[in-house]
């Protein structure tokens, strides 16, 4: 192969490695965001359950005051 072809191959290999590194980083961020979203959804569910319990125990006017 010619020197120009080798240089182009090397450059393409570097670009490929850089692209794979970026893709890997994005996949890790997406994974972390999915975990955070899952945790937030769980918390929201728990808050809703607590809110329902408050409605059973406290007068409705008190619950409205506490929540808003």
PDB file of N, CA and C in Angstrom:
ATOM      1  N   UNK A   1       0.831  -1.183   0.000  1.00  0.00           N
ATOM      2  CA  UNK A   1       0.000   0.000   0.000  1.00  0.00           C
ATOM      3  C   UNK A   1       0.879   1.250   0.000  1.00  0.00           C
ATOM      4  N   UNK A   2       0.285   2.274  -0.463  1.00  0.00           N
ATOM      5  CA  UNK A   2       1.028   3.527  -0.484  1.00  0.00           C
ATOM      6  C   UNK A   2       0.968   4.188   0.886  1.00  0.00           C
ATOM      7  N   UNK A   3       1.835   5.134   1.067  1.00  0.00           N
ATOM      8  CA  UNK A   3       1.894   5.845   2.345  1.00  0.00           C
ATOM      9  C   UNK A   3       0.600   6.605   2.598  1.00  0.00           C
ATOM     10  N   UNK A   4       0.037   7.183   1.552  1.00  0.00           N
ATOM     11  CA  UNK A   4      -1.213   7.942   1.682  1.00  0.00           C
ATOM     12  C   UNK A   4      -2.347   7.030   2.160  1.00  0.00           C
ATOM     13  N   UNK A   5      -2.409   5.826   1.604  1.00  0.00           N
ATOM     14  CA  UNK A   5      -3.442   4.865   1.995  1.00  0.00           C
ATOM     15  C   UNK A   5      -3.280   4.471   3.453  1.00  0.00           C
ATOM     16  N   UNK A   6      -2.047   4.246   3.886  1.00  0.00           N
ATOM     17  CA  UNK A   6      -1.779   3.892   5.282  1.00  0.00           C
ATOM     18  C   UNK A   6      -2.189   5.022   6.220  1.00  0.00           C
ATOM     19  N   UNK A   7      -1.880   6.226   5.839  1.00  0.00           N
ATOM     20  CA  UNK A   7      -2.255   7.374   6.668  1.00  0.00           C
ATOM     21  C   UNK A   7      -3.771   7.494   6.790  1.00  0.00           C
ATOM     22  N   UNK A   8      -4.460   7.280   5.680  1.00  0.00           N
ATOM     23  CA  UNK A   8      -5.920   7.337   5.711  1.00  0.00           C
ATOM     24  C   UNK A   8      -6.499   6.225   6.587  1.00  0.00           C
ATOM     25  N   UNK A   9      -5.910   5.034   6.493  1.00  0.00           N
ATOM     26  CA  UNK A   9      -6.372   3.913   7.330  1.00  0.00           C
ATOM     27  C   UNK A   9      -6.169   4.234   8.811  1.00  0.00           C
ATOM     28  N   UNK A  10      -5.005   4.769   9.134  1.00  0.00           N
ATOM     29  CA  UNK A  10      -4.724   5.122  10.530  1.00  0.00           C
ATOM     30  C   UNK A  10      -5.693   6.188  11.032  1.00  0.00           C
ATOM     31  N   UNK A  11      -5.942   7.166  10.204  1.00  0.00           N
ATOM     32  CA  UNK A  11      -6.870   8.231  10.575  1.00  0.00           C
ATOM     33  C   UNK A  11      -8.286   7.693  10.775  1.00  0.00           C
ATOM     34  N   UNK A  12      -8.700   6.797   9.894  1.00  0.00           N
ATOM     35  CA  UNK A  12     -10.027   6.193  10.033  1.00  0.00           C
ATOM     36  C   UNK A  12     -10.117   5.350  11.304  1.00  0.00           C
ATOM     37  N   UNK A  13      -9.052   4.663  11.655  1.00  0.00           N
ATOM     38  CA  UNK A  13      -9.030   3.848  12.873  1.00  0.00           C
ATOM     39  C   UNK A  13      -9.119   4.742  14.112  1.00  0.00           C
ATOM     40  N   UNK A  14      -8.417   5.865  14.098  1.00  0.00           N
ATOM     41  CA  UNK A  14      -8.499   6.815  15.219  1.00  0.00           C
ATOM     42  C   UNK A  14      -9.917   7.367  15.346  1.00  0.00           C
ATOM     43  N   UNK A  15     -10.520   7.719  14.214  1.00  0.00           N
ATOM     44  CA  UNK A  15     -11.894   8.232  14.234  1.00  0.00           C
ATOM     45  C   UNK A  15     -12.862   7.180  14.758  1.00  0.00           C
ATOM     46  N   UNK A  16     -12.633   5.942  14.367  1.00  0.00           N
ATOM     47  CA  UNK A  16     -13.495   4.843  14.821  1.00  0.00           C
ATOM     48  C   UNK A  16     -13.396   4.686  16.337  1.00  0.00           C
ATOM     49  N   UNK A  17     -12.159   4.710  16.864  1.00  0.00           N
ATOM     50  CA  UNK A  17     -11.970   4.582  18.322  1.00  0.00           C
ATOM     51  C   UNK A  17     -12.617   5.756  19.066  1.00  0.00           C
ATOM     52  N   UNK A  18     -12.464   6.952  18.516  1.00  0.00           N
ATOM     53  CA  UNK A  18     -13.069   8.132  19.148  1.00  0.00           C
ATOM     54  C   UNK A  18     -14.592   8.018  19.148  1.00  0.00           C
ATOM     55  N   UNK A  19     -15.147   7.561  18.043  1.00  0.00           N
ATOM     56  CA  UNK A  19     -16.608   7.398  17.945  1.00  0.00           C
ATOM     57  C   UNK A  19     -17.099   6.357  18.945  1.00  0.00           C
ATOM     58  N   UNK A  20     -16.390   5.248  19.061  1.00  0.00           N
ATOM     59  CA  UNK A  20     -16.785   4.204  20.006  1.00  0.00           C
ATOM     60  C   UNK A  20     -16.692   4.698  21.446  1.00  0.00           C
ATOM     61  N   UNK A  21     -15.690   5.522  21.724  1.00  0.00           N
ATOM     62  CA  UNK A  21     -15.556   6.085  23.073  1.00  0.00           C
ATOM     63  C   UNK A  21     -16.735   6.996  23.391  1.00  0.00           C
ATOM     64  N   UNK A  22     -17.134   7.814  22.431  1.00  0.00           N
ATOM     65  CA  UNK A  22     -18.280   8.709  22.626  1.00  0.00           C
ATOM     66  C   UNK A  22     -19.558   7.897  22.817  1.00  0.00           C
ATOM     67  N   UNK A  23     -19.736   6.876  22.001  1.00  0.00           N
ATOM     68  CA  UNK A  23     -20.930   6.027  22.105  1.00  0.00           C
ATOM     69  C   UNK A  23     -20.982   5.348  23.467  1.00  0.00           C
ATOM     70  N   UNK A  24     -19.841   4.844  23.935  1.00  0.00           N
ATOM     71  CA  UNK A  24     -19.788   4.190  25.237  1.00  0.00           C
ATOM     72  C   UNK A  24     -20.159   5.174  26.348  1.00  0.00           C
ATOM     73  N   UNK A  25     -19.626   6.381  26.261  1.00  0.00           N
ATOM     74  CA  UNK A  25     -19.942   7.407  27.263  1.00  0.00           C
ATOM     75  C   UNK A  25     -21.434   7.731  27.268  1.00  0.00           C
ATOM     76  N   UNK A  26     -22.020   7.859  26.090  1.00  0.00           N
ATOM     77  CA  UNK A  26     -23.455   8.155  26.001  1.00  0.00           C
ATOM     78  C   UNK A  26     -24.296   7.005  26.557  1.00  0.00           C
ATOM     79  N   UNK A  27     -23.885   5.778  26.285  1.00  0.00           N
ATOM     80  CA  UNK A  27     -24.620   4.623  26.825  1.00  0.00           C
ATOM     81  C   UNK A  27     -24.577   4.620  28.343  1.00  0.00           C
ATOM     82  N   UNK A  28     -23.429   4.965  28.923  1.00  0.00           N
ATOM     83  CA  UNK A  28     -23.317   5.023  30.383  1.00  0.00           C
ATOM     84  C   UNK A  28     -24.219   6.109  30.961  1.00  0.00           C
ATOM     85  N   UNK A  29     -24.255   7.258  30.306  1.00  0.00           N
ATOM     86  CA  UNK A  29     -25.128   8.345  30.780  1.00  0.00           C
ATOM     87  C   UNK A  29     -26.592   7.957  30.697  1.00  0.00           C
ATOM     88  N   UNK A  30     -26.974   7.319  29.608  1.00  0.00           N
ATOM     89  CA  UNK A  30     -28.363   6.876  29.449  1.00  0.00           C
ATOM     90  C   UNK A  30     -28.720   5.889  30.547  1.00  0.00           C
ATOM     91  N   UNK A  31     -27.815   4.957  30.849  1.00  0.00           N
ATOM     92  CA  UNK A  31     -28.052   3.973  31.902  1.00  0.00           C
ATOM     93  C   UNK A  31     -28.272   4.664  33.244  1.00  0.00           C
ATOM     94  N   UNK A  32     -27.413   5.661  33.555  1.00  0.00           N
ATOM     95  CA  UNK A  32     -27.563   6.389  34.820  1.00  0.00           C
ATOM     96  C   UNK A  32     -28.880   7.156  34.867  1.00  0.00           C
ATOM     97  N   UNK A  33     -29.241   7.783  33.753  1.00  0.00           N
ATOM     98  CA  UNK A  33     -30.505   8.526  33.706  1.00  0.00           C
ATOM     99  C   UNK A  33     -31.705   7.599  33.885  1.00  0.00           C
ATOM    100  N   UNK A  34     -31.629   6.398  33.310  1.00  0.00           N
ATOM    101  CA  UNK A  34     -32.720   5.435  33.482  1.00  0.00           C
ATOM    102  C   UNK A  34     -32.859   5.048  34.949  1.00  0.00           C
ATOM    103  N   UNK A  35     -31.728   4.868  35.640  1.00  0.00           N
ATOM    104  CA  UNK A  35     -31.770   4.522  37.065  1.00  0.00           C
ATOM    105  C   UNK A  35     -32.371   5.670  37.880  1.00  0.00           C
ATOM    106  N   UNK A  36     -31.981   6.901  37.576  1.00  0.00           N
ATOM    107  CA  UNK A  36     -32.517   8.065  38.288  1.00  0.00           C
ATOM    108  C   UNK A  36     -34.020   8.180  38.036  1.00  0.00           C
ATOM    109  N   UNK A  37     -34.427   8.005  36.796  1.00  0.00           N
ATOM    110  CA  UNK A  37     -35.846   8.078  36.453  1.00  0.00           C
ATOM    111  C   UNK A  37     -36.640   7.005  37.188  1.00  0.00           C
ATOM    112  N   UNK A  38     -36.084   5.810  37.246  1.00  0.00           N
ATOM    113  CA  UNK A  38     -36.740   4.715  37.970  1.00  0.00           C
ATOM    114  C   UNK A  38     -36.888   5.064  39.450  1.00  0.00           C
ATOM    115  N   UNK A  39     -35.847   5.635  40.027  1.00  0.00           N
ATOM    116  CA  UNK A  39     -35.881   6.026  41.435  1.00  0.00           C
ATOM    117  C   UNK A  39     -36.915   7.127  41.675  1.00  0.00           C
ATOM    118  N   UNK A  40     -36.959   8.101  40.782  1.00  0.00           N
ATOM    119  CA  UNK A  40     -37.933   9.187  40.924  1.00  0.00           C
ATOM    120  C   UNK A  40     -39.361   8.664  40.797  1.00  0.00           C
ATOM    121  N   UNK A  41     -39.570   7.747  39.876  1.00  0.00           N
ATOM    122  CA  UNK A  41     -40.908   7.171  39.708  1.00  0.00           C
ATOM    123  C   UNK A  41     -41.332   6.432  40.976  1.00  0.00           C
ATOM    124  N   UNK A  42     -40.398   5.746  41.591  1.00  0.00           N
ATOM    125  CA  UNK A  42     -40.689   5.035  42.837  1.00  0.00           C
ATOM    126  C   UNK A  42     -41.067   6.029  43.934  1.00  0.00           C
ATOM    127  N   UNK A  43     -40.305   7.120  44.036  1.00  0.00           N
ATOM    128  CA  UNK A  43     -40.593   8.144  45.048  1.00  0.00           C
ATOM    129  C   UNK A  43     -41.967   8.773  44.818  1.00  0.00           C
ATOM    130  N   UNK A  44     -42.278   9.063  43.569  1.00  0.00           N
ATOM    131  CA  UNK A  44     -43.579   9.656  43.248  1.00  0.00           C
ATOM    132  C   UNK A  44     -44.700   8.708  43.641  1.00  0.00           C
ATOM    133  N   UNK A  45     -44.512   7.423  43.371  1.00  0.00           N
ATOM    134  CA  UNK A  45     -45.512   6.426  43.762  1.00  0.00           C
ATOM    135  C   UNK A  45     -45.698   6.384  45.262  1.00  0.00           C
ATOM    136  N   UNK A  46     -44.590   6.458  45.991  1.00  0.00           N
ATOM    137  CA  UNK A  46     -44.674   6.452  47.452  1.00  0.00           C
ATOM    138  C   UNK A  46     -45.374   7.711  47.962  1.00  0.00           C
ATOM    139  N   UNK A  47     -45.080   8.849  47.351  1.00  0.00           N
ATOM    140  CA  UNK A  47     -45.739  10.094  47.765  1.00  0.00           C
ATOM    141  C   UNK A  47     -47.240  10.023  47.521  1.00  0.00           C
ATOM    142  N   UNK A  48     -47.619   9.435  46.407  1.00  0.00           N
ATOM    143  CA  UNK A  48     -49.054   9.303  46.123  1.00  0.00           C
ATOM    144  C   UNK A  48     -49.730   8.396  47.137  1.00  0.00           C
ATOM    145  N   UNK A  49     -49.032   7.311  47.511  1.00  0.00           N
ATOM    146  CA  UNK A  49     -49.602   6.421  48.523  1.00  0.00           C
ATOM    147  C   UNK A  49     -49.754   7.161  49.850  1.00  0.00           C
ATOM    148  N   UNK A  50     -48.721   7.945  50.219  1.00  0.00           N
ATOM    149  CA  UNK A  50     -48.775   8.723  51.459  1.00  0.00           C
ATOM    150  C   UNK A  50     -49.927   9.729  51.406  1.00  0.00           C
ATOM    151  N   UNK A  51     -50.081  10.368  50.264  1.00  0.00           N
ATOM    152  CA  UNK A  51     -51.155  11.349  50.101  1.00  0.00           C
ATOM    153  C   UNK A  51     -52.511  10.677  50.318  1.00  0.00           C
ATOM    154  N   UNK A  52     -52.691   9.481  49.768  1.00  0.00           N
ATOM    155  CA  UNK A  52     -53.945   8.752  49.956  1.00  0.00           C
ATOM    156  C   UNK A  52     -54.169   8.429  51.435  1.00  0.00           C
ATOM    157  N   UNK A  53     -53.107   8.087  52.131  1.00  0.00           N
ATOM    158  CA  UNK A  53     -53.220   7.803  53.559  1.00  0.00           C
ATOM    159  C   UNK A  53     -53.604   9.065  54.326  1.00  0.00           C
ATOM    160  N   UNK A  54     -53.033  10.200  53.945  1.00  0.00           N
ATOM    161  CA  UNK A  54     -53.374  11.453  54.601  1.00  0.00           C
ATOM    162  C   UNK A  54     -54.850  11.766  54.451  1.00  0.00           C
ATOM    163  N   UNK A  55     -55.400  11.504  53.279  1.00  0.00           N
ATOM    164  CA  UNK A  55     -56.817  11.768  53.047  1.00  0.00           C
ATOM    165  C   UNK A  55     -57.693  10.907  53.959  1.00  0.00           C
ATOM    166  N   UNK A  56     -57.220   9.718  54.292  1.00  0.00           N
ATOM    167  CA  UNK A  56     -58.000   8.834  55.166  1.00  0.00           C
ATOM    168  C   UNK A  56     -57.947   9.302  56.617  1.00  0.00           C
ATOM    169  N   UNK A  57     -56.817   9.873  57.020  1.00  0.00           N
ATOM    170  CA  UNK A  57     -56.600  10.212  58.427  1.00  0.00           C
ATOM    171  C   UNK A  57     -57.014  11.653  58.749  1.00  0.00           C
ATOM    172  N   UNK A  58     -56.560  12.609  57.946  1.00  0.00           N
ATOM    173  CA  UNK A  58     -56.774  14.025  58.239  1.00  0.00           C
ATOM    174  C   UNK A  58     -57.995  14.569  57.502  1.00  0.00           C
ATOM    175  N   UNK A  59     -58.552  15.634  58.003  1.00  0.00           N
ATOM    176  CA  UNK A  59     -59.618  16.301  57.257  1.00  0.00           C
ATOM    177  C   UNK A  59     -59.065  16.801  55.917  1.00  0.00           C
ATOM    178  N   UNK A  60     -59.893  16.784  54.919  1.00  0.00           N
ATOM    179  CA  UNK A  60     -59.472  17.132  53.560  1.00  0.00           C
ATOM    180  C   UNK A  60     -58.859  18.538  53.477  1.00  0.00           C
ATOM    181  N   UNK A  61     -59.392  19.492  54.235  1.00  0.00           N
ATOM    182  CA  UNK A  61     -58.874  20.865  54.192  1.00  0.00           C
ATOM    183  C   UNK A  61     -57.429  20.917  54.692  1.00  0.00           C
ATOM    184  N   UNK A  62     -57.077  20.111  55.664  1.00  0.00           N
ATOM    185  CA  UNK A  62     -55.720  20.081  56.187  1.00  0.00           C
ATOM    186  C   UNK A  62     -54.763  19.522  55.140  1.00  0.00           C
ATOM    187  N   UNK A  63     -55.181  18.449  54.489  1.00  0.00           N
ATOM    188  CA  UNK A  63     -54.332  17.827  53.480  1.00  0.00           C
ATOM    189  C   UNK A  63     -54.075  18.784  52.340  1.00  0.00           C
ATOM    190  N   UNK A  64     -55.101  19.491  51.910  1.00  0.00           N
ATOM    191  CA  UNK A  64     -54.936  20.467  50.829  1.00  0.00           C
ATOM    192  C   UNK A  64     -53.941  21.533  51.245  1.00  0.00           C
ATOM    193  N   UNK A  65     -54.034  21.990  52.488  1.00  0.00           N
ATOM    194  CA  UNK A  65     -53.113  23.004  52.988  1.00  0.00           C
ATOM    195  C   UNK A  65     -51.681  22.477  53.008  1.00  0.00           C
ATOM    196  N   UNK A  66     -51.489  21.253  53.455  1.00  0.00           N
ATOM    197  CA  UNK A  66     -50.155  20.681  53.555  1.00  0.00           C
ATOM    198  C   UNK A  66     -49.507  20.419  52.192  1.00  0.00           C
ATOM    199  N   UNK A  67     -50.311  20.081  51.208  1.00  0.00           N
ATOM    200  CA  UNK A  67     -49.786  19.713  49.912  1.00  0.00           C
ATOM    201  C   UNK A  67     -49.546  20.896  49.015  1.00  0.00           C
ATOM    202  N   UNK A  68     -50.239  21.992  49.259  1.00  0.00           N
ATOM    203  CA  UNK A  68     -50.144  23.118  48.317  1.00  0.00           C
ATOM    204  C   UNK A  68     -49.693  24.372  48.942  1.00  0.00           C
TER     205      UNK A  68
END
